[in-house]
Amino acid sequence: MLAARTDRAIKAAKEHGVKITWGTDVILTPEAAHLQRQFVADIANWFTPYEVLKMVIHDNGQLLAMSGLRSPYQDGKLGVIEEGRMPISCSLMATHWKTSHSWQSQLAT
């Protein structure tokens, strides 16, 4: 039941141009960090690899930037992919995605 509602909600949000970001507060221990990569890989049911990367990097950065002066990231741009700026977690996520999904079939759509 929850999965069907999630499917309908995501499809409706995309159809109506709702900006979607992704995050979770369920991962509170380093031992569970691998679950975050799995959650991101699982959303491939609804999003292309490009959409996922845009969501978790650019769109999340825009959302965090809305906190203005309260943002702990005052000294740099948020939500960008630049030389030397990609954290290890994003690299690990990309590696996990490559091994658990067919990039060729995703890119062909």
PDB file of N, CA and C in Angstrom:
ATOM      1  N   MET A   1       0.827  -1.191   0.000  1.00  0.00           N
ATOM      2  CA  MET A   1       0.000   0.000   0.000  1.00  0.00           C
ATOM      3  C   MET A   1       0.873   1.258   0.000  1.00  0.00           C
ATOM      4  N   LEU A   2       1.874   1.310   0.887  1.00  0.00           N
ATOM      5  CA  LEU A   2       2.760   2.465   0.951  1.00  0.00           C
ATOM      6  C   LEU A   2       3.522   2.636  -0.354  1.00  0.00           C
ATOM      7  N   ALA A   3       3.998   1.527  -0.916  1.00  0.00           N
ATOM      8  CA  ALA A   3       4.754   1.606  -2.171  1.00  0.00           C
ATOM      9  C   ALA A   3       3.885   2.158  -3.295  1.00  0.00           C
ATOM     10  N   ALA A   4       2.630   1.749  -3.359  1.00  0.00           N
ATOM     11  CA  ALA A   4       1.729   2.245  -4.404  1.00  0.00           C
ATOM     12  C   ALA A   4       1.480   3.737  -4.232  1.00  0.00           C
ATOM     13  N   ARG A   5       1.322   4.180  -2.993  1.00  0.00           N
ATOM     14  CA  ARG A   5       1.108   5.607  -2.742  1.00  0.00           C
ATOM     15  C   ARG A   5       2.359   6.410  -3.068  1.00  0.00           C
ATOM     16  N   THR A   6       3.516   5.862  -2.736  1.00  0.00           N
ATOM     17  CA  THR A   6       4.770   6.539  -3.063  1.00  0.00           C
ATOM     18  C   THR A   6       4.896   6.686  -4.567  1.00  0.00           C
ATOM     19  N   ASP A   7       4.601   5.633  -5.286  1.00  0.00           N
ATOM     20  CA  ASP A   7       4.676   5.659  -6.743  1.00  0.00           C
ATOM     21  C   ASP A   7       3.766   6.744  -7.311  1.00  0.00           C
ATOM     22  N   ARG A   8       2.525   6.787  -6.851  1.00  0.00           N
ATOM     23  CA  ARG A   8       1.574   7.797  -7.341  1.00  0.00           C
ATOM     24  C   ARG A   8       2.032   9.210  -6.979  1.00  0.00           C
ATOM     25  N   ALA A   9       2.520   9.391  -5.758  1.00  0.00           N
ATOM     26  CA  ALA A   9       2.940  10.723  -5.304  1.00  0.00           C
ATOM     27  C   ALA A   9       4.122  11.240  -6.118  1.00  0.00           C
ATOM     28  N   ILE A  10       5.110  10.392  -6.354  1.00  0.00           N
ATOM     29  CA  ILE A  10       6.285  10.823  -7.114  1.00  0.00           C
ATOM     30  C   ILE A  10       5.907  11.120  -8.555  1.00  0.00           C
ATOM     31  N   LYS A  11       5.105  10.268  -9.159  1.00  0.00           N
ATOM     32  CA  LYS A  11       4.682  10.515 -10.543  1.00  0.00           C
ATOM     33  C   LYS A  11       3.886  11.815 -10.654  1.00  0.00           C
ATOM     34  N   ALA A  12       2.994  12.080  -9.704  1.00  0.00           N
ATOM     35  CA  ALA A  12       2.203  13.315  -9.729  1.00  0.00           C
ATOM     36  C   ALA A  12       3.094  14.537  -9.525  1.00  0.00           C
ATOM     37  N   ALA A  13       4.050  14.438  -8.611  1.00  0.00           N
ATOM     38  CA  ALA A  13       4.963  15.563  -8.362  1.00  0.00           C
ATOM     39  C   ALA A  13       5.769  15.890  -9.613  1.00  0.00           C
ATOM     40  N   LYS A  14       6.286  14.864 -10.276  1.00  0.00           N
ATOM     41  CA  LYS A  14       7.057  15.092 -11.503  1.00  0.00           C
ATOM     42  C   LYS A  14       6.170  15.686 -12.600  1.00  0.00           C
ATOM     43  N   GLU A  15       4.950  15.176 -12.723  1.00  0.00           N
ATOM     44  CA  GLU A  15       4.029  15.660 -13.749  1.00  0.00           C
ATOM     45  C   GLU A  15       3.700  17.140 -13.565  1.00  0.00           C
ATOM     46  N   HIS A  16       3.630  17.583 -12.309  1.00  0.00           N
ATOM     47  CA  HIS A  16       3.243  18.966 -12.016  1.00  0.00           C
ATOM     48  C   HIS A  16       4.440  19.883 -11.755  1.00  0.00           C
ATOM     49  N   GLY A  17       5.645  19.386 -12.002  1.00  0.00           N
ATOM     50  CA  GLY A  17       6.833  20.230 -11.882  1.00  0.00           C
ATOM     51  C   GLY A  17       7.250  20.581 -10.469  1.00  0.00           C
ATOM     52  N   VAL A  18       6.865  19.760  -9.501  1.00  0.00           N
ATOM     53  CA  VAL A  18       7.259  20.007  -8.113  1.00  0.00           C
ATOM     54  C   VAL A  18       8.747  19.715  -7.968  1.00  0.00           C
ATOM     55  N   LYS A  19       9.493  20.662  -7.393  1.00  0.00           N
ATOM     56  CA  LYS A  19      10.915  20.434  -7.169  1.00  0.00           C
ATOM     57  C   LYS A  19      11.055  19.432  -6.022  1.00  0.00           C
ATOM     58  N   ILE A  20      11.786  18.368  -6.270  1.00  0.00           N
ATOM     59  CA  ILE A  20      11.942  17.297  -5.293  1.00  0.00           C
ATOM     60  C   ILE A  20      13.390  17.270  -4.825  1.00  0.00           C
ATOM     61  N   THR A  21      13.569  17.228  -3.519  1.00  0.00           N
ATOM     62  CA  THR A  21      14.906  17.024  -2.963  1.00  0.00           C
ATOM     63  C   THR A  21      14.877  15.704  -2.219  1.00  0.00           C
ATOM     64  N   TRP A  22      16.040  15.247  -1.815  1.00  0.00           N
ATOM     65  CA  TRP A  22      16.090  13.958  -1.146  1.00  0.00           C
ATOM     66  C   TRP A  22      16.982  14.052   0.071  1.00  0.00           C
ATOM     67  N   GLY A  23      16.549  13.448   1.148  1.00  0.00           N
ATOM     68  CA  GLY A  23      17.352  13.376   2.358  1.00  0.00           C
ATOM     69  C   GLY A  23      16.676  12.462   3.354  1.00  0.00           C
ATOM     70  N   THR A  24      17.388  12.139   4.387  1.00  0.00           N
ATOM     71  CA  THR A  24      16.827  11.273   5.416  1.00  0.00           C
ATOM     72  C   THR A  24      17.469  11.575   6.750  1.00  0.00           C
ATOM     73  N   ASP A  25      16.725  11.350   7.804  1.00  0.00           N
ATOM     74  CA  ASP A  25      17.295  11.462   9.141  1.00  0.00           C
ATOM     75  C   ASP A  25      17.318  10.100   9.831  1.00  0.00           C
ATOM     76  N   VAL A  26      17.082   9.042   9.069  1.00  0.00           N
ATOM     77  CA  VAL A  26      17.073   7.711   9.670  1.00  0.00           C
ATOM     78  C   VAL A  26      18.472   7.146   9.858  1.00  0.00           C
ATOM     79  N   ILE A  27      19.443   7.758   9.234  1.00  0.00           N
ATOM     80  CA  ILE A  27      20.805   7.238   9.326  1.00  0.00           C
ATOM     81  C   ILE A  27      21.565   8.083  10.339  1.00  0.00           C
ATOM     82  N   LEU A  28      21.610   7.611  11.559  1.00  0.00           N
ATOM     83  CA  LEU A  28      22.235   8.380  12.627  1.00  0.00           C
ATOM     84  C   LEU A  28      23.542   7.771  13.101  1.00  0.00           C
ATOM     85  N   THR A  29      23.935   6.644  12.540  1.00  0.00           N
ATOM     86  CA  THR A  29      25.180   6.013  12.962  1.00  0.00           C
ATOM     87  C   THR A  29      26.048   5.722  11.749  1.00  0.00           C
ATOM     88  N   PRO A  30      27.369   5.813  11.918  1.00  0.00           N
ATOM     89  CA  PRO A  30      28.262   5.498  10.794  1.00  0.00           C
ATOM     90  C   PRO A  30      28.059   4.081  10.260  1.00  0.00           C
ATOM     91  N   GLU A  31      27.670   3.165  11.131  1.00  0.00           N
ATOM     92  CA  GLU A  31      27.477   1.781  10.708  1.00  0.00           C
ATOM     93  C   GLU A  31      26.323   1.639   9.715  1.00  0.00           C
ATOM     94  N   ALA A  32      25.408   2.587   9.723  1.00  0.00           N
ATOM     95  CA  ALA A  32      24.244   2.514   8.835  1.00  0.00           C
ATOM     96  C   ALA A  32      24.395   3.398   7.599  1.00  0.00           C
ATOM     97  N   ALA A  33      25.556   4.028   7.423  1.00  0.00           N
ATOM     98  CA  ALA A  33      25.748   4.957   6.299  1.00  0.00           C
ATOM     99  C   ALA A  33      25.523   4.293   4.943  1.00  0.00           C
ATOM    100  N   HIS A  34      25.827   3.006   4.846  1.00  0.00           N
ATOM    101  CA  HIS A  34      25.630   2.319   3.565  1.00  0.00           C
ATOM    102  C   HIS A  34      24.161   2.326   3.140  1.00  0.00           C
ATOM    103  N   LEU A  35      23.249   2.447   4.084  1.00  0.00           N
ATOM    104  CA  LEU A  35      21.826   2.465   3.750  1.00  0.00           C
ATOM    105  C   LEU A  35      21.453   3.705   2.945  1.00  0.00           C
ATOM    106  N   GLN A  36      22.137   4.828   3.213  1.00  0.00           N
ATOM    107  CA  GLN A  36      21.835   6.042   2.467  1.00  0.00           C
ATOM    108  C   GLN A  36      22.142   5.846   0.992  1.00  0.00           C
ATOM    109  N   ARG A  37      23.277   5.232   0.687  1.00  0.00           N
ATOM    110  CA  ARG A  37      23.600   4.958  -0.716  1.00  0.00           C
ATOM    111  C   ARG A  37      22.558   4.033  -1.330  1.00  0.00           C
ATOM    112  N   GLN A  38      22.096   3.057  -0.555  1.00  0.00           N
ATOM    113  CA  GLN A  38      21.085   2.135  -1.068  1.00  0.00           C
ATOM    114  C   GLN A  38      19.776   2.863  -1.338  1.00  0.00           C
ATOM    115  N   PHE A  39      19.371   3.760  -0.431  1.00  0.00           N
ATOM    116  CA  PHE A  39      18.140   4.521  -0.636  1.00  0.00           C
ATOM    117  C   PHE A  39      18.224   5.341  -1.916  1.00  0.00           C
ATOM    118  N   VAL A  40      19.372   5.978  -2.146  1.00  0.00           N
ATOM    119  CA  VAL A  40      19.538   6.784  -3.359  1.00  0.00           C
ATOM    120  C   VAL A  40      19.466   5.888  -4.591  1.00  0.00           C
ATOM    121  N   ALA A  41      20.104   4.732  -4.541  1.00  0.00           N
ATOM    122  CA  ALA A  41      20.056   3.811  -5.680  1.00  0.00           C
ATOM    123  C   ALA A  41      18.630   3.312  -5.923  1.00  0.00           C
ATOM    124  N   ASP A  42      17.866   3.123  -4.857  1.00  0.00           N
ATOM    125  CA  ASP A  42      16.501   2.613  -4.998  1.00  0.00           C
ATOM    126  C   ASP A  42      15.559   3.590  -5.698  1.00  0.00           C
ATOM    127  N   ILE A  43      15.847   4.884  -5.645  1.00  0.00           N
ATOM    128  CA  ILE A  43      14.930   5.820  -6.290  1.00  0.00           C
ATOM    129  C   ILE A  43      15.066   5.801  -7.808  1.00  0.00           C
ATOM    130  N   ALA A  44      15.923   4.922  -8.311  1.00  0.00           N
ATOM    131  CA  ALA A  44      16.040   4.743  -9.764  1.00  0.00           C
ATOM    132  C   ALA A  44      14.740   4.207 -10.360  1.00  0.00           C
ATOM    133  N   ASN A  45      13.822   3.756  -9.521  1.00  0.00           N
ATOM    134  CA  ASN A  45      12.513   3.321 -10.015  1.00  0.00           C
ATOM    135  C   ASN A  45      11.730   4.488 -10.616  1.00  0.00           C
ATOM    136  N   TRP A  46      12.043   5.712 -10.189  1.00  0.00           N
ATOM    137  CA  TRP A  46      11.281   6.876 -10.625  1.00  0.00           C
ATOM    138  C   TRP A  46      12.112   7.929 -11.352  1.00  0.00           C
ATOM    139  N   PHE A  47      13.445   7.878 -11.193  1.00  0.00           N
ATOM    140  CA  PHE A  47      14.293   8.946 -11.718  1.00  0.00           C
ATOM    141  C   PHE A  47      15.443   8.383 -12.538  1.00  0.00           C
ATOM    142  N   THR A  48      15.858   9.130 -13.551  1.00  0.00           N
ATOM    143  CA  THR A  48      17.037   8.758 -14.334  1.00  0.00           C
ATOM    144  C   THR A  48      18.284   9.061 -13.501  1.00  0.00           C
ATOM    145  N   PRO A  49      19.442   8.506 -13.865  1.00  0.00           N
ATOM    146  CA  PRO A  49      20.673   8.840 -13.128  1.00  0.00           C
ATOM    147  C   PRO A  49      20.928  10.347 -13.084  1.00  0.00           C
ATOM    148  N   TYR A  50      20.680  11.043 -14.184  1.00  0.00           N
ATOM    149  CA  TYR A  50      20.851  12.501 -14.190  1.00  0.00           C
ATOM    150  C   TYR A  50      19.938  13.159 -13.161  1.00  0.00           C
ATOM    151  N   GLU A  51      18.667  12.764 -13.138  1.00  0.00           N
ATOM    152  CA  GLU A  51      17.717  13.361 -12.193  1.00  0.00           C
ATOM    153  C   GLU A  51      18.129  13.104 -10.748  1.00  0.00           C
ATOM    154  N   VAL A  52      18.637  11.898 -10.467  1.00  0.00           N
ATOM    155  CA  VAL A  52      19.073  11.574  -9.103  1.00  0.00           C
ATOM    156  C   VAL A  52      20.239  12.464  -8.695  1.00  0.00           C
ATOM    157  N   LEU A  53      21.258  12.562  -9.548  1.00  0.00           N
ATOM    158  CA  LEU A  53      22.409  13.400  -9.207  1.00  0.00           C
ATOM    159  C   LEU A  53      22.005  14.860  -9.052  1.00  0.00           C
ATOM    160  N   LYS A  54      21.142  15.347  -9.928  1.00  0.00           N
ATOM    161  CA  LYS A  54      20.666  16.728  -9.813  1.00  0.00           C
ATOM    162  C   LYS A  54      19.918  16.922  -8.497  1.00  0.00           C
ATOM    163  N   MET A  55      19.086  15.960  -8.144  1.00  0.00           N
ATOM    164  CA  MET A  55      18.293  16.050  -6.926  1.00  0.00           C
ATOM    165  C   MET A  55      19.173  16.077  -5.676  1.00  0.00           C
ATOM    166  N   VAL A  56      20.096  15.120  -5.576  1.00  0.00           N
ATOM    167  CA  VAL A  56      20.872  14.995  -4.338  1.00  0.00           C
ATOM    168  C   VAL A  56      22.019  15.996  -4.251  1.00  0.00           C
ATOM    169  N   ILE A  57      22.394  16.620  -5.357  1.00  0.00           N
ATOM    170  CA  ILE A  57      23.492  17.591  -5.316  1.00  0.00           C
ATOM    171  C   ILE A  57      22.948  19.007  -5.523  1.00  0.00           C
ATOM    172  N   HIS A  58      22.455  19.307  -6.704  1.00  0.00           N
ATOM    173  CA  HIS A  58      22.024  20.670  -7.026  1.00  0.00           C
ATOM    174  C   HIS A  58      20.780  21.093  -6.247  1.00  0.00           C
ATOM    175  N   ASP A  59      19.718  20.303  -6.333  1.00  0.00           N
ATOM    176  CA  ASP A  59      18.460  20.700  -5.706  1.00  0.00           C
ATOM    177  C   ASP A  59      18.581  20.740  -4.182  1.00  0.00           C
ATOM    178  N   ASN A  60      19.276  19.757  -3.592  1.00  0.00           N
ATOM    179  CA  ASN A  60      19.501  19.805  -2.147  1.00  0.00           C
ATOM    180  C   ASN A  60      20.338  21.025  -1.780  1.00  0.00           C
ATOM    181  N   GLY A  61      21.326  21.363  -2.609  1.00  0.00           N
ATOM    182  CA  GLY A  61      22.135  22.560  -2.356  1.00  0.00           C
ATOM    183  C   GLY A  61      21.295  23.822  -2.365  1.00  0.00           C
ATOM    184  N   GLN A  62      20.365  23.917  -3.317  1.00  0.00           N
ATOM    185  CA  GLN A  62      19.473  25.081  -3.365  1.00  0.00           C
ATOM    186  C   GLN A  62      18.596  25.153  -2.120  1.00  0.00           C
ATOM    187  N   LEU A  63      18.114  24.010  -1.669  1.00  0.00           N
ATOM    188  CA  LEU A  63      17.283  23.981  -0.470  1.00  0.00           C
ATOM    189  C   LEU A  63      18.088  24.428   0.753  1.00  0.00           C
ATOM    190  N   LEU A  64      19.301  23.903   0.906  1.00  0.00           N
ATOM    191  CA  LEU A  64      20.142  24.294   2.039  1.00  0.00           C
ATOM    192  C   LEU A  64      20.505  25.772   1.984  1.00  0.00           C
ATOM    193  N   ALA A  65      20.713  26.307   0.796  1.00  0.00           N
ATOM    194  CA  ALA A  65      21.072  27.720   0.654  1.00  0.00           C
ATOM    195  C   ALA A  65      19.954  28.642   1.139  1.00  0.00           C
ATOM    196  N   MET A  66      18.726  28.143   1.173  1.00  0.00           N
ATOM    197  CA  MET A  66      17.603  28.956   1.634  1.00  0.00           C
ATOM    198  C   MET A  66      17.704  29.298   3.114  1.00  0.00           C
ATOM    199  N   SER A  67      18.592  28.625   3.852  1.00  0.00           N
ATOM    200  CA  SER A  67      18.739  28.918   5.283  1.00  0.00           C
ATOM    201  C   SER A  67      19.534  30.195   5.523  1.00  0.00           C
ATOM    202  N   GLY A  68      20.038  30.804   4.451  1.00  0.00           N
ATOM    203  CA  GLY A  68      20.696  32.106   4.551  1.00  0.00           C
ATOM    204  C   GLY A  68      21.886  32.113   5.497  1.00  0.00           C
ATOM    205  N   LEU A  69      21.900  33.077   6.394  1.00  0.00           N
ATOM    206  CA  LEU A  69      23.029  33.231   7.310  1.00  0.00           C
ATOM    207  C   LEU A  69      23.145  32.084   8.311  1.00  0.00           C
ATOM    208  N   ARG A  70      22.099  31.305   8.481  1.00  0.00           N
ATOM    209  CA  ARG A  70      22.166  30.154   9.391  1.00  0.00           C
ATOM    210  C   ARG A  70      22.891  28.970   8.771  1.00  0.00           C
ATOM    211  N   SER A  71      23.155  29.048   7.482  1.00  0.00           N
ATOM    212  CA  SER A  71      23.838  27.950   6.791  1.00  0.00           C
ATOM    213  C   SER A  71      25.269  27.812   7.300  1.00  0.00           C
ATOM    214  N   PRO A  72      25.690  26.591   7.630  1.00  0.00           N
ATOM    215  CA  PRO A  72      27.080  26.392   8.053  1.00  0.00           C
ATOM    216  C   PRO A  72      28.058  26.411   6.882  1.00  0.00           C
ATOM    217  N   TYR A  73      27.565  26.597   5.670  1.00  0.00           N
ATOM    218  CA  TYR A  73      28.396  26.550   4.471  1.00  0.00           C
ATOM    219  C   TYR A  73      28.540  27.932   3.841  1.00  0.00           C
ATOM    220  N   GLN A  74      28.878  28.929   4.613  1.00  0.00           N
ATOM    221  CA  GLN A  74      28.967  30.299   4.118  1.00  0.00           C
ATOM    222  C   GLN A  74      30.135  30.524   3.163  1.00  0.00           C
ATOM    223  N   ASP A  75      31.165  29.686   3.256  1.00  0.00           N
ATOM    224  CA  ASP A  75      32.381  29.948   2.489  1.00  0.00           C
ATOM    225  C   ASP A  75      32.433  29.267   1.126  1.00  0.00           C
ATOM    226  N   GLY A  76      31.376  28.632   0.695  1.00  0.00           N
ATOM    227  CA  GLY A  76      31.443  27.946  -0.592  1.00  0.00           C
ATOM    228  C   GLY A  76      30.084  27.788  -1.236  1.00  0.00           C
ATOM    229  N   LYS A  77      30.099  27.431  -2.515  1.00  0.00           N
ATOM    230  CA  LYS A  77      28.861  27.207  -3.255  1.00  0.00           C
ATOM    231  C   LYS A  77      28.300  25.835  -2.887  1.00  0.00           C
ATOM    232  N   LEU A  78      27.010  25.766  -2.798  1.00  0.00           N
ATOM    233  CA  LEU A  78      26.334  24.506  -2.516  1.00  0.00           C
ATOM    234  C   LEU A  78      25.773  23.916  -3.800  1.00  0.00           C
ATOM    235  N   GLY A  79      25.735  22.594  -3.849  1.00  0.00           N
ATOM    236  CA  GLY A  79      25.070  21.918  -4.954  1.00  0.00           C
ATOM    237  C   GLY A  79      25.774  22.021  -6.283  1.00  0.00           C
ATOM    238  N   VAL A  80      27.101  21.979  -6.268  1.00  0.00           N
ATOM    239  CA  VAL A  80      27.861  22.036  -7.510  1.00  0.00           C
ATOM    240  C   VAL A  80      28.783  20.830  -7.603  1.00  0.00           C
ATOM    241  N   ILE A  81      29.094  20.458  -8.817  1.00  0.00           N
ATOM    242  CA  ILE A  81      30.106  19.432  -9.041  1.00  0.00           C
ATOM    243  C   ILE A  81      31.259  20.133  -9.738  1.00  0.00           C
ATOM    244  N   GLU A  82      32.353  20.258  -9.024  1.00  0.00           N
ATOM    245  CA  GLU A  82      33.546  20.906  -9.553  1.00  0.00           C
ATOM    246  C   GLU A  82      34.764  20.086  -9.168  1.00  0.00           C
ATOM    247  N   GLU A  83      35.842  20.295  -9.878  1.00  0.00           N
ATOM    248  CA  GLU A  83      37.105  19.621  -9.587  1.00  0.00           C
ATOM    249  C   GLU A  83      37.438  19.778  -8.109  1.00  0.00           C
ATOM    250  N   GLY A  84      37.663  18.644  -7.441  1.00  0.00           N
ATOM    251  CA  GLY A  84      38.074  18.658  -6.042  1.00  0.00           C
ATOM    252  C   GLY A  84      36.968  18.910  -5.038  1.00  0.00           C
ATOM    253  N   ARG A  85      35.724  19.047  -5.471  1.00  0.00           N
ATOM    254  CA  ARG A  85      34.635  19.362  -4.547  1.00  0.00           C
ATOM    255  C   ARG A  85      33.710  18.184  -4.269  1.00  0.00           C
ATOM    256  N   MET A  86      33.836  17.087  -4.987  1.00  0.00           N
ATOM    257  CA  MET A  86      32.914  15.971  -4.809  1.00  0.00           C
ATOM    258  C   MET A  86      33.336  15.144  -3.598  1.00  0.00           C
ATOM    259  N   PRO A  87      32.479  15.029  -2.589  1.00  0.00           N
ATOM    260  CA  PRO A  87      32.845  14.253  -1.403  1.00  0.00           C
ATOM    261  C   PRO A  87      32.879  12.759  -1.700  1.00  0.00           C
ATOM    262  N   ILE A  88      33.585  12.051  -0.849  1.00  0.00           N
ATOM    263  CA  ILE A  88      33.749  10.602  -1.025  1.00  0.00           C
ATOM    264  C   ILE A  88      32.406   9.894  -1.061  1.00  0.00           C
ATOM    265  N   SER A  89      31.420  10.361  -0.292  1.00  0.00           N
ATOM    266  CA  SER A  89      30.127   9.671  -0.272  1.00  0.00           C
ATOM    267  C   SER A  89      29.473   9.673  -1.650  1.00  0.00           C
ATOM    268  N   CYS A  90      29.622  10.764  -2.413  1.00  0.00           N
ATOM    269  CA  CYS A  90      29.046  10.798  -3.762  1.00  0.00           C
ATOM    270  C   CYS A  90      29.768   9.823  -4.677  1.00  0.00           C
ATOM    271  N   SER A  91      31.085   9.729  -4.523  1.00  0.00           N
ATOM    272  CA  SER A  91      31.848   8.783  -5.335  1.00  0.00           C
ATOM    273  C   SER A  91      31.433   7.359  -5.023  1.00  0.00           C
ATOM    274  N   LEU A  92      31.233   7.057  -3.744  1.00  0.00           N
ATOM    275  CA  LEU A  92      30.809   5.715  -3.359  1.00  0.00           C
ATOM    276  C   LEU A  92      29.412   5.424  -3.879  1.00  0.00           C
ATOM    277  N   MET A  93      28.525   6.420  -3.838  1.00  0.00           N
ATOM    278  CA  MET A  93      27.179   6.232  -4.349  1.00  0.00           C
ATOM    279  C   MET A  93      27.226   5.901  -5.835  1.00  0.00           C
ATOM    280  N   ALA A  94      28.045   6.625  -6.585  1.00  0.00           N
ATOM    281  CA  ALA A  94      28.149   6.381  -8.020  1.00  0.00           C
ATOM    282  C   ALA A  94      28.676   4.978  -8.290  1.00  0.00           C
ATOM    283  N   THR A  95      29.653   4.536  -7.503  1.00  0.00           N
ATOM    284  CA  THR A  95      30.199   3.189  -7.661  1.00  0.00           C
ATOM    285  C   THR A  95      29.124   2.150  -7.373  1.00  0.00           C
ATOM    286  N   HIS A  96      28.357   2.358  -6.291  1.00  0.00           N
ATOM    287  CA  HIS A  96      27.291   1.422  -5.936  1.00  0.00           C
ATOM    288  C   HIS A  96      26.253   1.374  -7.056  1.00  0.00           C
ATOM    289  N   TRP A  97      25.889   2.535  -7.586  1.00  0.00           N
ATOM    290  CA  TRP A  97      24.874   2.591  -8.635  1.00  0.00           C
ATOM    291  C   TRP A  97      25.332   1.811  -9.860  1.00  0.00           C
ATOM    292  N   LYS A  98      26.597   1.981 -10.236  1.00  0.00           N
ATOM    293  CA  LYS A  98      27.114   1.282 -11.418  1.00  0.00           C
ATOM    294  C   LYS A  98      27.014  -0.223 -11.261  1.00  0.00           C
ATOM    295  N   THR A  99      27.241  -0.719 -10.046  1.00  0.00           N
ATOM    296  CA  THR A  99      27.232  -2.163  -9.845  1.00  0.00           C
ATOM    297  C   THR A  99      25.826  -2.713  -9.649  1.00  0.00           C
ATOM    298  N   SER A 100      24.848  -1.854  -9.321  1.00  0.00           N
ATOM    299  CA  SER A 100      23.511  -2.379  -9.051  1.00  0.00           C
ATOM    300  C   SER A 100      22.472  -1.989 -10.101  1.00  0.00           C
ATOM    301  N   HIS A 101      22.843  -1.170 -11.072  1.00  0.00           N
ATOM    302  CA  HIS A 101      21.904  -0.752 -12.105  1.00  0.00           C
ATOM    303  C   HIS A 101      22.597  -0.738 -13.461  1.00  0.00           C
ATOM    304  N   SER A 102      21.822  -0.913 -14.479  1.00  0.00           N
ATOM    305  CA  SER A 102      22.369  -0.853 -15.828  1.00  0.00           C
ATOM    306  C   SER A 102      22.368   0.595 -16.306  1.00  0.00           C
ATOM    307  N   TRP A 103      23.545   1.194 -16.328  1.00  0.00           N
ATOM    308  CA  TRP A 103      23.657   2.581 -16.780  1.00  0.00           C
ATOM    309  C   TRP A 103      23.224   2.716 -18.233  1.00  0.00           C
ATOM    310  N   GLN A 104      23.556   1.756 -19.067  1.00  0.00           N
ATOM    311  CA  GLN A 104      23.224   1.879 -20.479  1.00  0.00           C
ATOM    312  C   GLN A 104      21.714   1.966 -20.691  1.00  0.00           C
ATOM    313  N   SER A 105      20.956   1.134 -19.994  1.00  0.00           N
ATOM    314  CA  SER A 105      19.508   1.170 -20.188  1.00  0.00           C
ATOM    315  C   SER A 105      18.917   2.453 -19.620  1.00  0.00           C
ATOM    316  N   GLN A 106      19.485   2.977 -18.535  1.00  0.00           N
ATOM    317  CA  GLN A 106      18.999   4.225 -17.965  1.00  0.00           C
ATOM    318  C   GLN A 106      19.290   5.397 -18.895  1.00  0.00           C
ATOM    319  N   LEU A 107      20.477   5.412 -19.481  1.00  0.00           N
ATOM    320  CA  LEU A 107      20.860   6.526 -20.338  1.00  0.00           C
ATOM    321  C   LEU A 107      20.125   6.498 -21.670  1.00  0.00           C
ATOM    322  N   ALA A 108      19.664   5.332 -22.078  1.00  0.00           N
ATOM    323  CA  ALA A 108      18.973   5.207 -23.361  1.00  0.00           C
ATOM    324  C   ALA A 108      17.579   5.817 -23.317  1.00  0.00           C
ATOM    325  N   THR A 109      17.035   6.011 -22.118  1.00  0.00           N
ATOM    326  CA  THR A 109      15.671   6.556 -22.018  1.00  0.00           C
ATOM    327  C   THR A 109      15.660   8.053 -21.982  1.00  0.00           C
TER     328      THR A 109
END
